[in-house]
Amino acid sequence: MGFSITNKFLDFTLLTGAEWVMWLLIALSVLSVYVMIERAMFYRSAAAAETGVHRKLFNALTERDMELAEGLTKDSEAPSARIISEMVSVADRGKTALKSAMEAGRAEEKVRLERNLSILGTLGANAPFIGLFGTVIGIIVAFDKLGAAGAKPTPEQSAAVMDGIAEALVATAVGLLVAIPAVVAYNVYQRRVKRTLAHADTIAASALAIMIDAEGSDSSSEKDD
């Protein structure tokens, strides 16, 4: 009898069973919960950091006090403050540099806000297939037992086969159990990212207008002198 890839895979399946798939799903569920908690804490921290900083920051920018503005935005967790920090660093280079710094800061904040969300998206899309794979393996094992029992299996053998099929279906259920919360969290956090970025864009645009006006006022004063 020649080499058969199907028989080799069958031998491997019968040797390992579907239990390893269940352990994999458990590990993925732990990873999913970790990402959910980490992102929730991050967004809460970012929202808290936004509170109360804008008025002082706008006053500093209006008065061209870049040292104070840098102190207010340096090491801040607020997305808007981090974008404005990039703008403050090029405040003396003109309008074009300010706009470029704002766009670069926004891109960096988008990446920071979306960090680890791809994990939730990937789990939501693929966990059901991993569970289905475990179910298929379990059914293969169950039918192999049924074939070994012959044409007239005893009640005990039939019960063992049915138990094996039931256990195999658990893998699909666990896969869905991992995927559904991950998909819900992914969608919720994506909306949170959009709202946060929209808020940061509004604040950064206001800061840009203040900095441009202040720069124009300085130029006018120099001409008058």
N, C-alpha and C. Protein backbone atom coordinates (compact mmCIF):
# COMPACT_ATOMS: atom_id res chain seq x y z
N MET A 1 0.85 -1.20 0.00
CA MET A 1 0.00 0.00 0.00
C MET A 1 0.88 1.24 0.00
N GLY A 2 0.60 2.17 -0.96
CA GLY A 2 1.42 3.36 -1.10
C GLY A 2 1.10 4.40 -0.04
N PHE A 3 1.87 5.48 -0.13
CA PHE A 3 1.71 6.59 0.80
C PHE A 3 0.38 7.31 0.52
N SER A 4 -0.37 7.62 1.57
CA SER A 4 -1.64 8.33 1.43
C SER A 4 -1.66 9.49 2.42
N ILE A 5 -1.73 10.69 1.88
CA ILE A 5 -1.77 11.88 2.73
C ILE A 5 -3.04 11.89 3.57
N THR A 6 -4.13 11.36 3.02
CA THR A 6 -5.40 11.32 3.75
C THR A 6 -5.28 10.43 4.98
N ASN A 7 -4.69 9.25 4.79
CA ASN A 7 -4.52 8.33 5.91
C ASN A 7 -3.59 8.90 6.97
N LYS A 8 -2.55 9.60 6.52
CA LYS A 8 -1.63 10.22 7.47
C LYS A 8 -2.34 11.27 8.31
N PHE A 9 -3.17 12.08 7.63
CA PHE A 9 -3.92 13.10 8.37
C PHE A 9 -4.93 12.45 9.31
N LEU A 10 -5.54 11.35 8.86
CA LEU A 10 -6.48 10.64 9.72
C LEU A 10 -5.78 10.09 10.95
N ASP A 11 -4.61 9.52 10.76
CA ASP A 11 -3.84 8.99 11.90
C ASP A 11 -3.49 10.12 12.88
N PHE A 12 -3.09 11.26 12.33
CA PHE A 12 -2.75 12.40 13.19
C PHE A 12 -3.99 12.89 13.95
N THR A 13 -5.11 12.94 13.26
CA THR A 13 -6.36 13.40 13.88
C THR A 13 -6.78 12.47 15.01
N LEU A 14 -6.69 11.15 14.75
CA LEU A 14 -7.07 10.19 15.78
C LEU A 14 -6.12 10.22 16.96
N LEU A 15 -4.86 10.58 16.70
CA LEU A 15 -3.86 10.63 17.77
C LEU A 15 -4.07 11.85 18.67
N THR A 16 -4.34 13.00 18.06
CA THR A 16 -4.43 14.25 18.84
C THR A 16 -5.84 14.57 19.30
N GLY A 17 -6.85 14.20 18.49
CA GLY A 17 -8.22 14.56 18.83
C GLY A 17 -8.44 16.06 18.70
N ALA A 18 -9.55 16.53 19.27
CA ALA A 18 -9.92 17.94 19.15
C ALA A 18 -9.67 18.72 20.43
N GLU A 19 -9.11 18.09 21.43
CA GLU A 19 -8.94 18.78 22.71
C GLU A 19 -7.99 19.96 22.59
N TRP A 20 -6.96 19.83 21.75
CA TRP A 20 -6.00 20.93 21.60
C TRP A 20 -6.67 22.16 21.01
N VAL A 21 -7.69 21.95 20.18
CA VAL A 21 -8.43 23.08 19.62
C VAL A 21 -9.17 23.83 20.73
N MET A 22 -9.71 23.08 21.67
CA MET A 22 -10.39 23.71 22.80
C MET A 22 -9.42 24.54 23.63
N TRP A 23 -8.23 24.02 23.87
CA TRP A 23 -7.23 24.78 24.62
C TRP A 23 -6.82 26.03 23.86
N LEU A 24 -6.72 25.92 22.54
CA LEU A 24 -6.39 27.09 21.72
C LEU A 24 -7.49 28.14 21.84
N LEU A 25 -8.74 27.73 21.81
CA LEU A 25 -9.85 28.68 21.93
C LEU A 25 -9.86 29.33 23.31
N ILE A 26 -9.54 28.56 24.33
CA ILE A 26 -9.47 29.14 25.69
C ILE A 26 -8.37 30.20 25.76
N ALA A 27 -7.21 29.90 25.16
CA ALA A 27 -6.12 30.89 25.14
C ALA A 27 -6.52 32.14 24.38
N LEU A 28 -7.22 31.96 23.26
CA LEU A 28 -7.67 33.11 22.48
C LEU A 28 -8.72 33.92 23.23
N SER A 29 -9.56 33.25 24.01
CA SER A 29 -10.56 33.98 24.79
C SER A 29 -9.90 34.83 25.87
N VAL A 30 -8.84 34.29 26.48
CA VAL A 30 -8.09 35.07 27.48
C VAL A 30 -7.45 36.29 26.83
N LEU A 31 -6.86 36.09 25.65
CA LEU A 31 -6.26 37.21 24.91
C LEU A 31 -7.31 38.26 24.57
N SER A 32 -8.49 37.81 24.14
CA SER A 32 -9.56 38.74 23.78
C SER A 32 -10.00 39.57 24.98
N VAL A 33 -10.18 38.93 26.12
CA VAL A 33 -10.60 39.65 27.33
C VAL A 33 -9.52 40.65 27.75
N TYR A 34 -8.26 40.24 27.64
CA TYR A 34 -7.16 41.14 28.00
C TYR A 34 -7.19 42.41 27.13
N VAL A 35 -7.36 42.22 25.82
CA VAL A 35 -7.40 43.38 24.92
C VAL A 35 -8.59 44.28 25.23
N MET A 36 -9.74 43.68 25.50
CA MET A 36 -10.93 44.48 25.85
C MET A 36 -10.68 45.35 27.08
N ILE A 37 -10.10 44.74 28.12
CA ILE A 37 -9.86 45.47 29.37
C ILE A 37 -8.79 46.54 29.15
N GLU A 38 -7.72 46.19 28.45
CA GLU A 38 -6.63 47.15 28.20
C GLU A 38 -7.12 48.35 27.41
N ARG A 39 -7.92 48.11 26.38
CA ARG A 39 -8.42 49.22 25.56
C ARG A 39 -9.43 50.07 26.34
N ALA A 40 -10.28 49.43 27.14
CA ALA A 40 -11.26 50.19 27.93
C ALA A 40 -10.54 51.12 28.91
N MET A 41 -9.51 50.62 29.56
CA MET A 41 -8.74 51.45 30.49
C MET A 41 -8.01 52.57 29.74
N PHE A 42 -7.49 52.27 28.56
CA PHE A 42 -6.79 53.27 27.78
C PHE A 42 -7.72 54.40 27.36
N TYR A 43 -8.91 54.05 26.84
CA TYR A 43 -9.85 55.08 26.40
C TYR A 43 -10.36 55.91 27.57
N ARG A 44 -10.55 55.28 28.71
CA ARG A 44 -10.99 56.02 29.90
C ARG A 44 -9.91 57.01 30.33
N SER A 45 -8.65 56.56 30.30
CA SER A 45 -7.53 57.44 30.67
C SER A 45 -7.41 58.61 29.70
N ALA A 46 -7.58 58.33 28.41
CA ALA A 46 -7.49 59.38 27.40
C ALA A 46 -8.61 60.40 27.57
N ALA A 47 -9.83 59.93 27.86
CA ALA A 47 -10.95 60.84 28.06
C ALA A 47 -10.76 61.70 29.29
N ALA A 48 -10.24 61.10 30.36
CA ALA A 48 -9.99 61.86 31.58
C ALA A 48 -8.93 62.93 31.36
N ALA A 49 -7.92 62.62 30.54
CA ALA A 49 -6.84 63.56 30.29
C ALA A 49 -7.31 64.76 29.47
N GLU A 50 -8.39 64.58 28.70
CA GLU A 50 -8.91 65.68 27.89
C GLU A 50 -9.55 66.78 28.75
N THR A 51 -9.98 66.43 29.93
CA THR A 51 -10.75 67.35 30.77
C THR A 51 -9.87 68.46 31.31
N GLY A 52 -10.28 69.68 31.06
CA GLY A 52 -9.67 70.83 31.72
C GLY A 52 -8.39 71.36 31.13
N VAL A 53 -7.82 70.71 30.12
CA VAL A 53 -6.54 71.18 29.60
C VAL A 53 -6.69 72.22 28.50
N HIS A 54 -7.84 72.25 27.83
CA HIS A 54 -7.97 73.06 26.62
C HIS A 54 -7.98 74.56 26.89
N ARG A 55 -8.67 74.99 27.92
CA ARG A 55 -8.74 76.42 28.19
C ARG A 55 -7.36 76.99 28.49
N LYS A 56 -6.60 76.33 29.36
CA LYS A 56 -5.24 76.80 29.67
C LYS A 56 -4.36 76.75 28.43
N LEU A 57 -4.53 75.71 27.63
CA LEU A 57 -3.72 75.56 26.44
C LEU A 57 -4.03 76.64 25.42
N PHE A 58 -5.32 76.93 25.22
CA PHE A 58 -5.71 77.98 24.27
C PHE A 58 -5.20 79.34 24.73
N ASN A 59 -5.26 79.60 26.02
CA ASN A 59 -4.73 80.87 26.55
C ASN A 59 -3.23 80.99 26.29
N ALA A 60 -2.50 79.89 26.51
CA ALA A 60 -1.06 79.91 26.28
C ALA A 60 -0.74 80.14 24.80
N LEU A 61 -1.51 79.51 23.92
CA LEU A 61 -1.28 79.69 22.49
C LEU A 61 -1.62 81.11 22.04
N THR A 62 -2.69 81.67 22.59
CA THR A 62 -3.09 83.04 22.24
C THR A 62 -2.00 84.03 22.63
N GLU A 63 -1.39 83.79 23.77
CA GLU A 63 -0.33 84.68 24.27
C GLU A 63 1.04 84.32 23.72
N ARG A 64 1.10 83.32 22.82
CA ARG A 64 2.35 82.87 22.22
C ARG A 64 3.34 82.37 23.27
N ASP A 65 2.80 81.82 24.36
CA ASP A 65 3.65 81.27 25.41
C ASP A 65 3.88 79.79 25.10
N MET A 66 4.81 79.52 24.20
CA MET A 66 5.03 78.16 23.74
C MET A 66 5.65 77.27 24.81
N GLU A 67 6.37 77.87 25.72
CA GLU A 67 6.95 77.09 26.80
C GLU A 67 5.85 76.50 27.69
N LEU A 68 4.85 77.34 28.01
CA LEU A 68 3.72 76.85 28.80
C LEU A 68 2.91 75.83 28.00
N ALA A 69 2.69 76.10 26.72
CA ALA A 69 1.94 75.17 25.87
C ALA A 69 2.64 73.83 25.78
N GLU A 70 3.96 73.85 25.67
CA GLU A 70 4.71 72.60 25.63
C GLU A 70 4.59 71.84 26.95
N GLY A 71 4.61 72.57 28.06
CA GLY A 71 4.47 71.93 29.36
C GLY A 71 3.10 71.30 29.55
N LEU A 72 2.06 71.93 28.98
CA LEU A 72 0.70 71.41 29.12
C LEU A 72 0.46 70.17 28.24
N THR A 73 1.19 70.10 27.13
CA THR A 73 0.95 68.99 26.20
C THR A 73 1.98 67.87 26.30
N LYS A 74 3.12 68.15 26.89
CA LYS A 74 4.18 67.14 26.97
C LYS A 74 3.74 65.97 27.85
N ASP A 75 3.91 64.78 27.35
CA ASP A 75 3.59 63.54 28.07
C ASP A 75 2.11 63.42 28.43
N SER A 76 1.27 64.17 27.73
CA SER A 76 -0.18 64.09 27.99
C SER A 76 -0.75 62.84 27.33
N GLU A 77 -1.79 62.28 27.95
CA GLU A 77 -2.50 61.14 27.38
C GLU A 77 -3.66 61.58 26.50
N ALA A 78 -3.97 62.88 26.49
CA ALA A 78 -5.09 63.38 25.70
C ALA A 78 -4.71 63.42 24.22
N PRO A 79 -5.47 62.79 23.35
CA PRO A 79 -5.13 62.80 21.92
C PRO A 79 -4.99 64.20 21.34
N SER A 80 -5.91 65.09 21.70
CA SER A 80 -5.84 66.44 21.16
C SER A 80 -4.57 67.15 21.61
N ALA A 81 -4.19 66.97 22.87
CA ALA A 81 -2.98 67.60 23.39
C ALA A 81 -1.73 67.05 22.70
N ARG A 82 -1.74 65.77 22.39
CA ARG A 82 -0.58 65.17 21.73
C ARG A 82 -0.45 65.68 20.30
N ILE A 83 -1.58 65.92 19.63
CA ILE A 83 -1.54 66.50 18.29
C ILE A 83 -1.02 67.93 18.35
N ILE A 84 -1.54 68.69 19.31
CA ILE A 84 -1.10 70.09 19.46
C ILE A 84 0.37 70.16 19.85
N SER A 85 0.85 69.17 20.59
CA SER A 85 2.26 69.13 20.95
C SER A 85 3.14 69.08 19.71
N GLU A 86 2.71 68.31 18.71
CA GLU A 86 3.45 68.27 17.45
C GLU A 86 3.45 69.64 16.78
N MET A 87 2.33 70.34 16.88
CA MET A 87 2.21 71.67 16.27
C MET A 87 3.08 72.68 17.00
N VAL A 88 3.11 72.59 18.31
CA VAL A 88 3.91 73.52 19.11
C VAL A 88 5.39 73.40 18.76
N SER A 89 5.83 72.18 18.45
CA SER A 89 7.24 71.96 18.15
C SER A 89 7.68 72.65 16.86
N VAL A 90 6.72 73.01 15.99
CA VAL A 90 7.07 73.69 14.73
C VAL A 90 6.37 75.04 14.64
N ALA A 91 6.04 75.62 15.80
CA ALA A 91 5.24 76.85 15.82
C ALA A 91 5.91 78.01 15.10
N ASP A 92 7.25 78.01 15.03
CA ASP A 92 7.96 79.13 14.43
C ASP A 92 8.29 78.90 12.96
N ARG A 93 7.68 77.87 12.35
CA ARG A 93 8.02 77.55 10.96
C ARG A 93 6.93 77.89 9.96
N GLY A 94 5.85 78.52 10.42
CA GLY A 94 4.82 78.97 9.49
C GLY A 94 3.61 78.05 9.41
N LYS A 95 2.63 78.54 8.63
CA LYS A 95 1.33 77.86 8.54
C LYS A 95 1.45 76.46 7.94
N THR A 96 2.24 76.31 6.88
CA THR A 96 2.36 75.00 6.22
C THR A 96 2.91 73.95 7.18
N ALA A 97 3.92 74.33 7.94
CA ALA A 97 4.51 73.40 8.90
C ALA A 97 3.51 73.03 9.99
N LEU A 98 2.72 74.00 10.42
CA LEU A 98 1.71 73.72 11.44
C LEU A 98 0.68 72.71 10.94
N LYS A 99 0.21 72.89 9.70
CA LYS A 99 -0.78 71.97 9.15
C LYS A 99 -0.18 70.57 8.97
N SER A 100 1.05 70.52 8.50
CA SER A 100 1.70 69.21 8.32
C SER A 100 1.88 68.51 9.66
N ALA A 101 2.26 69.28 10.69
CA ALA A 101 2.44 68.70 12.02
C ALA A 101 1.10 68.19 12.57
N MET A 102 0.02 68.93 12.31
CA MET A 102 -1.29 68.50 12.78
C MET A 102 -1.71 67.19 12.10
N GLU A 103 -1.48 67.08 10.80
CA GLU A 103 -1.82 65.86 10.08
C GLU A 103 -0.98 64.67 10.56
N ALA A 104 0.31 64.93 10.78
CA ALA A 104 1.19 63.86 11.26
C ALA A 104 0.79 63.42 12.66
N GLY A 105 0.47 64.37 13.52
CA GLY A 105 0.04 64.05 14.88
C GLY A 105 -1.25 63.27 14.89
N ARG A 106 -2.17 63.62 14.00
CA ARG A 106 -3.44 62.90 13.92
C ARG A 106 -3.21 61.45 13.48
N ALA A 107 -2.33 61.26 12.48
CA ALA A 107 -2.04 59.90 12.02
C ALA A 107 -1.45 59.05 13.14
N GLU A 108 -0.55 59.65 13.92
CA GLU A 108 0.06 58.92 15.04
C GLU A 108 -0.99 58.56 16.09
N GLU A 109 -1.91 59.48 16.36
CA GLU A 109 -2.93 59.22 17.35
C GLU A 109 -3.91 58.15 16.88
N LYS A 110 -4.20 58.13 15.59
CA LYS A 110 -5.09 57.10 15.05
C LYS A 110 -4.49 55.71 15.27
N VAL A 111 -3.19 55.60 15.00
CA VAL A 111 -2.51 54.33 15.21
C VAL A 111 -2.53 53.95 16.70
N ARG A 112 -2.30 54.93 17.56
CA ARG A 112 -2.28 54.66 19.01
C ARG A 112 -3.66 54.26 19.51
N LEU A 113 -4.69 54.91 19.01
CA LEU A 113 -6.05 54.60 19.45
C LEU A 113 -6.52 53.24 18.94
N GLU A 114 -6.03 52.83 17.79
CA GLU A 114 -6.48 51.56 17.19
C GLU A 114 -5.58 50.39 17.55
N ARG A 115 -4.56 50.63 18.38
CA ARG A 115 -3.64 49.56 18.74
C ARG A 115 -4.38 48.38 19.37
N ASN A 116 -4.08 47.18 18.91
CA ASN A 116 -4.63 45.91 19.41
C ASN A 116 -6.07 45.64 18.96
N LEU A 117 -6.71 46.61 18.31
CA LEU A 117 -8.08 46.35 17.85
C LEU A 117 -8.09 45.31 16.73
N SER A 118 -7.00 45.22 15.98
CA SER A 118 -6.93 44.20 14.92
C SER A 118 -7.01 42.80 15.51
N ILE A 119 -6.55 42.64 16.76
CA ILE A 119 -6.64 41.33 17.41
C ILE A 119 -8.10 40.95 17.60
N LEU A 120 -8.90 41.90 18.07
CA LEU A 120 -10.33 41.62 18.26
C LEU A 120 -11.01 41.34 16.93
N GLY A 121 -10.65 42.10 15.90
CA GLY A 121 -11.25 41.87 14.59
C GLY A 121 -10.89 40.51 14.04
N THR A 122 -9.64 40.12 14.21
CA THR A 122 -9.19 38.82 13.72
C THR A 122 -9.87 37.68 14.47
N LEU A 123 -9.96 37.81 15.79
CA LEU A 123 -10.63 36.77 16.58
C LEU A 123 -12.11 36.68 16.21
N GLY A 124 -12.75 37.82 16.04
CA GLY A 124 -14.17 37.81 15.69
C GLY A 124 -14.43 37.13 14.36
N ALA A 125 -13.49 37.29 13.42
CA ALA A 125 -13.68 36.72 12.09
C ALA A 125 -13.29 35.24 12.02
N ASN A 126 -12.33 34.82 12.85
CA ASN A 126 -11.75 33.48 12.66
C ASN A 126 -12.05 32.48 13.77
N ALA A 127 -12.42 32.94 14.96
CA ALA A 127 -12.71 32.00 16.05
C ALA A 127 -13.80 30.98 15.69
N PRO A 128 -14.88 31.39 15.00
CA PRO A 128 -15.88 30.37 14.63
C PRO A 128 -15.30 29.28 13.73
N PHE A 129 -14.38 29.65 12.84
CA PHE A 129 -13.78 28.65 11.95
C PHE A 129 -12.85 27.71 12.73
N ILE A 130 -12.16 28.26 13.73
CA ILE A 130 -11.33 27.40 14.56
C ILE A 130 -12.20 26.41 15.32
N GLY A 131 -13.33 26.90 15.86
CA GLY A 131 -14.27 26.00 16.54
C GLY A 131 -14.83 24.96 15.60
N LEU A 132 -15.16 25.38 14.37
CA LEU A 132 -15.68 24.44 13.38
C LEU A 132 -14.63 23.38 13.03
N PHE A 133 -13.37 23.80 12.96
CA PHE A 133 -12.29 22.85 12.69
C PHE A 133 -12.23 21.80 13.80
N GLY A 134 -12.37 22.24 15.05
CA GLY A 134 -12.39 21.29 16.17
C GLY A 134 -13.57 20.35 16.08
N THR A 135 -14.72 20.88 15.64
CA THR A 135 -15.90 20.03 15.49
C THR A 135 -15.68 18.97 14.42
N VAL A 136 -15.09 19.36 13.31
CA VAL A 136 -14.83 18.41 12.23
C VAL A 136 -13.89 17.30 12.72
N ILE A 137 -12.85 17.70 13.45
CA ILE A 137 -11.93 16.69 13.98
C ILE A 137 -12.66 15.74 14.91
N GLY A 138 -13.50 16.29 15.79
CA GLY A 138 -14.24 15.44 16.72
C GLY A 138 -15.18 14.48 16.01
N ILE A 139 -15.81 14.94 14.94
CA ILE A 139 -16.73 14.07 14.20
C ILE A 139 -15.95 12.97 13.47
N ILE A 140 -14.77 13.32 12.96
CA ILE A 140 -13.93 12.29 12.32
C ILE A 140 -13.60 11.19 13.32
N VAL A 141 -13.21 11.60 14.53
CA VAL A 141 -12.88 10.62 15.57
C VAL A 141 -14.10 9.77 15.92
N ALA A 142 -15.28 10.43 16.03
CA ALA A 142 -16.50 9.71 16.39
C ALA A 142 -16.87 8.68 15.34
N PHE A 143 -16.77 9.06 14.06
CA PHE A 143 -17.12 8.12 13.00
C PHE A 143 -16.09 7.01 12.86
N ASP A 144 -14.85 7.30 13.20
CA ASP A 144 -13.86 6.23 13.19
C ASP A 144 -14.21 5.19 14.25
N LYS A 145 -14.68 5.65 15.41
CA LYS A 145 -15.12 4.71 16.45
C LYS A 145 -16.34 3.92 15.98
N LEU A 146 -17.23 4.61 15.27
CA LEU A 146 -18.43 3.94 14.77
C LEU A 146 -18.06 2.87 13.75
N GLY A 147 -17.07 3.19 12.89
CA GLY A 147 -16.62 2.20 11.90
C GLY A 147 -15.96 1.01 12.57
N ALA A 148 -15.21 1.27 13.64
CA ALA A 148 -14.53 0.19 14.34
C ALA A 148 -15.53 -0.71 15.06
N ALA A 149 -16.70 -0.16 15.40
CA ALA A 149 -17.71 -0.95 16.11
C ALA A 149 -18.40 -1.95 15.21
N GLY A 150 -18.32 -1.80 13.88
CA GLY A 150 -18.93 -2.74 12.95
C GLY A 150 -20.36 -2.36 12.62
N ALA A 151 -21.02 -3.28 11.91
CA ALA A 151 -22.38 -3.01 11.43
C ALA A 151 -23.39 -2.98 12.56
N LYS A 152 -23.14 -3.72 13.64
CA LYS A 152 -24.09 -3.78 14.74
C LYS A 152 -23.40 -3.37 16.04
N PRO A 153 -23.24 -2.07 16.25
CA PRO A 153 -22.57 -1.62 17.48
C PRO A 153 -23.43 -1.88 18.70
N THR A 154 -22.79 -2.14 19.80
CA THR A 154 -23.51 -2.32 21.06
C THR A 154 -24.05 -0.98 21.54
N PRO A 155 -25.01 -0.98 22.44
CA PRO A 155 -25.53 0.28 22.97
C PRO A 155 -24.44 1.15 23.59
N GLU A 156 -23.48 0.50 24.25
CA GLU A 156 -22.39 1.25 24.85
C GLU A 156 -21.54 1.94 23.78
N GLN A 157 -21.29 1.23 22.68
CA GLN A 157 -20.50 1.81 21.60
C GLN A 157 -21.25 2.96 20.93
N SER A 158 -22.54 2.78 20.73
CA SER A 158 -23.35 3.85 20.12
C SER A 158 -23.37 5.09 21.02
N ALA A 159 -23.49 4.83 22.32
CA ALA A 159 -23.49 5.95 23.25
C ALA A 159 -22.16 6.70 23.24
N ALA A 160 -21.07 5.95 23.12
CA ALA A 160 -19.74 6.57 23.08
C ALA A 160 -19.59 7.44 21.84
N VAL A 161 -20.13 6.95 20.70
CA VAL A 161 -20.07 7.72 19.46
C VAL A 161 -20.88 9.02 19.59
N MET A 162 -22.08 8.92 20.12
CA MET A 162 -22.93 10.10 20.27
C MET A 162 -22.31 11.10 21.24
N ASP A 163 -21.70 10.59 22.29
CA ASP A 163 -21.01 11.49 23.22
C ASP A 163 -19.85 12.21 22.53
N GLY A 164 -19.15 11.48 21.66
CA GLY A 164 -18.05 12.10 20.92
C GLY A 164 -18.53 13.20 19.99
N ILE A 165 -19.68 12.98 19.32
CA ILE A 165 -20.24 14.01 18.44
C ILE A 165 -20.68 15.23 19.25
N ALA A 166 -21.30 14.97 20.40
CA ALA A 166 -21.73 16.08 21.26
C ALA A 166 -20.54 16.91 21.73
N GLU A 167 -19.47 16.23 22.11
CA GLU A 167 -18.27 16.94 22.54
C GLU A 167 -17.66 17.72 21.38
N ALA A 168 -17.75 17.18 20.18
CA ALA A 168 -17.21 17.87 19.02
C ALA A 168 -17.96 19.17 18.75
N LEU A 169 -19.26 19.14 18.91
CA LEU A 169 -20.07 20.34 18.67
C LEU A 169 -19.79 21.45 19.68
N VAL A 170 -19.27 21.06 20.83
CA VAL A 170 -18.91 22.06 21.84
C VAL A 170 -17.85 23.02 21.30
N ALA A 171 -16.96 22.52 20.47
CA ALA A 171 -15.90 23.37 19.91
C ALA A 171 -16.49 24.50 19.09
N THR A 172 -17.53 24.22 18.30
CA THR A 172 -18.19 25.28 17.53
C THR A 172 -18.84 26.30 18.45
N ALA A 173 -19.48 25.81 19.51
CA ALA A 173 -20.12 26.71 20.46
C ALA A 173 -19.10 27.62 21.14
N VAL A 174 -17.96 27.04 21.53
CA VAL A 174 -16.92 27.83 22.18
C VAL A 174 -16.33 28.84 21.20
N GLY A 175 -16.17 28.44 19.94
CA GLY A 175 -15.68 29.37 18.93
C GLY A 175 -16.59 30.58 18.78
N LEU A 176 -17.90 30.34 18.77
CA LEU A 176 -18.86 31.45 18.71
C LEU A 176 -18.82 32.28 19.98
N LEU A 177 -18.63 31.62 21.11
CA LEU A 177 -18.56 32.32 22.39
C LEU A 177 -17.35 33.27 22.44
N VAL A 178 -16.27 32.88 21.79
CA VAL A 178 -15.10 33.75 21.71
C VAL A 178 -15.33 34.87 20.70
N ALA A 179 -15.95 34.55 19.58
CA ALA A 179 -16.07 35.50 18.48
C ALA A 179 -17.06 36.62 18.74
N ILE A 180 -18.22 36.29 19.31
CA ILE A 180 -19.28 37.29 19.45
C ILE A 180 -18.86 38.47 20.32
N PRO A 181 -18.33 38.25 21.54
CA PRO A 181 -17.87 39.42 22.32
C PRO A 181 -16.75 40.20 21.63
N ALA A 182 -15.88 39.49 20.92
CA ALA A 182 -14.78 40.16 20.23
C ALA A 182 -15.32 41.09 19.14
N VAL A 183 -16.32 40.62 18.38
CA VAL A 183 -16.91 41.45 17.33
C VAL A 183 -17.62 42.66 17.93
N VAL A 184 -18.38 42.43 19.01
CA VAL A 184 -19.09 43.54 19.66
C VAL A 184 -18.10 44.58 20.18
N ALA A 185 -17.06 44.12 20.87
CA ALA A 185 -16.05 45.03 21.41
C ALA A 185 -15.33 45.77 20.28
N TYR A 186 -15.02 45.08 19.21
CA TYR A 186 -14.34 45.71 18.08
C TYR A 186 -15.17 46.85 17.51
N ASN A 187 -16.46 46.61 17.30
CA ASN A 187 -17.34 47.64 16.75
C ASN A 187 -17.50 48.82 17.70
N VAL A 188 -17.65 48.51 18.99
CA VAL A 188 -17.80 49.58 19.98
C VAL A 188 -16.54 50.44 20.04
N TYR A 189 -15.39 49.80 20.05
CA TYR A 189 -14.13 50.55 20.17
C TYR A 189 -13.82 51.32 18.89
N GLN A 190 -14.22 50.79 17.74
CA GLN A 190 -14.01 51.54 16.50
C GLN A 190 -14.83 52.83 16.50
N ARG A 191 -16.07 52.75 17.01
CA ARG A 191 -16.87 53.98 17.13
C ARG A 191 -16.24 54.93 18.13
N ARG A 192 -15.67 54.38 19.20
CA ARG A 192 -15.00 55.21 20.20
C ARG A 192 -13.80 55.93 19.57
N VAL A 193 -13.05 55.23 18.74
CA VAL A 193 -11.90 55.84 18.06
C VAL A 193 -12.35 56.99 17.17
N LYS A 194 -13.42 56.77 16.41
CA LYS A 194 -13.92 57.82 15.52
C LYS A 194 -14.36 59.05 16.30
N ARG A 195 -15.08 58.84 17.41
CA ARG A 195 -15.52 59.99 18.22
C ARG A 195 -14.33 60.72 18.82
N THR A 196 -13.36 59.96 19.32
CA THR A 196 -12.18 60.57 19.94
C THR A 196 -11.39 61.38 18.92
N LEU A 197 -11.21 60.82 17.73
CA LEU A 197 -10.47 61.54 16.70
C LEU A 197 -11.23 62.77 16.23
N ALA A 198 -12.54 62.67 16.12
CA ALA A 198 -13.33 63.83 15.71
C ALA A 198 -13.19 64.96 16.73
N HIS A 199 -13.25 64.61 18.02
CA HIS A 199 -13.07 65.60 19.08
C HIS A 199 -11.67 66.20 19.02
N ALA A 200 -10.66 65.35 18.84
CA ALA A 200 -9.28 65.83 18.77
C ALA A 200 -9.08 66.73 17.55
N ASP A 201 -9.72 66.39 16.43
CA ASP A 201 -9.61 67.22 15.23
C ASP A 201 -10.18 68.61 15.48
N THR A 202 -11.31 68.67 16.17
CA THR A 202 -11.94 69.96 16.47
C THR A 202 -11.03 70.82 17.32
N ILE A 203 -10.48 70.23 18.37
CA ILE A 203 -9.58 70.98 19.27
C ILE A 203 -8.32 71.41 18.53
N ALA A 204 -7.74 70.49 17.74
CA ALA A 204 -6.51 70.82 17.02
C ALA A 204 -6.75 71.91 15.98
N ALA A 205 -7.91 71.87 15.31
CA ALA A 205 -8.22 72.91 14.33
C ALA A 205 -8.37 74.28 15.01
N SER A 206 -8.99 74.30 16.19
CA SER A 206 -9.10 75.55 16.94
C SER A 206 -7.72 76.07 17.34
N ALA A 207 -6.86 75.15 17.79
CA ALA A 207 -5.50 75.54 18.16
C ALA A 207 -4.73 76.07 16.95
N LEU A 208 -4.94 75.43 15.81
CA LEU A 208 -4.28 75.88 14.59
C LEU A 208 -4.70 77.30 14.23
N ALA A 209 -6.01 77.57 14.31
CA ALA A 209 -6.50 78.91 14.01
C ALA A 209 -5.90 79.94 14.96
N ILE A 210 -5.82 79.60 16.24
CA ILE A 210 -5.25 80.52 17.23
C ILE A 210 -3.78 80.79 16.93
N MET A 211 -3.04 79.73 16.60
CA MET A 211 -1.61 79.89 16.34
C MET A 211 -1.36 80.69 15.08
N ILE A 212 -2.19 80.50 14.06
CA ILE A 212 -2.04 81.26 12.82
C ILE A 212 -2.38 82.73 13.05
N ASP A 213 -3.48 82.98 13.80
CA ASP A 213 -3.86 84.36 14.12
C ASP A 213 -2.77 85.05 14.93
N ALA A 214 -2.23 84.30 15.91
CA ALA A 214 -1.18 84.89 16.75
C ALA A 214 0.07 85.18 15.93
N GLU A 215 0.37 84.29 15.00
CA GLU A 215 1.53 84.51 14.14
C GLU A 215 1.32 85.71 13.24
N GLY A 216 0.07 85.85 12.72
CA GLY A 216 -0.24 87.01 11.89
C GLY A 216 -0.18 88.30 12.66
N SER A 217 -0.62 88.25 13.91
CA SER A 217 -0.57 89.45 14.76
C SER A 217 0.87 89.85 15.03
N ASP A 218 1.73 88.87 15.26
CA ASP A 218 3.14 89.17 15.48
C ASP A 218 3.77 89.79 14.26
N SER A 219 3.41 89.28 13.07
CA SER A 219 3.96 89.82 11.83
C SER A 219 3.53 91.24 11.60
N SER A 220 2.22 91.51 11.91
CA SER A 220 1.70 92.86 11.75
C SER A 220 2.39 93.81 12.70
N SER A 221 2.65 93.37 13.93
CA SER A 221 3.31 94.22 14.91
C SER A 221 4.72 94.56 14.47
N GLU A 222 5.42 93.57 13.88
CA GLU A 222 6.78 93.81 13.42
C GLU A 222 6.78 94.82 12.27
N LYS A 223 5.76 94.76 11.36
CA LYS A 223 5.69 95.71 10.27
C LYS A 223 5.43 97.12 10.79
N ASP A 224 4.53 97.22 11.78
CA ASP A 224 4.21 98.52 12.36
C ASP A 224 5.44 99.16 13.00
N ASP A 225 6.25 98.28 13.64
CA ASP A 225 7.47 98.80 14.26
C ASP A 225 8.43 99.29 13.17
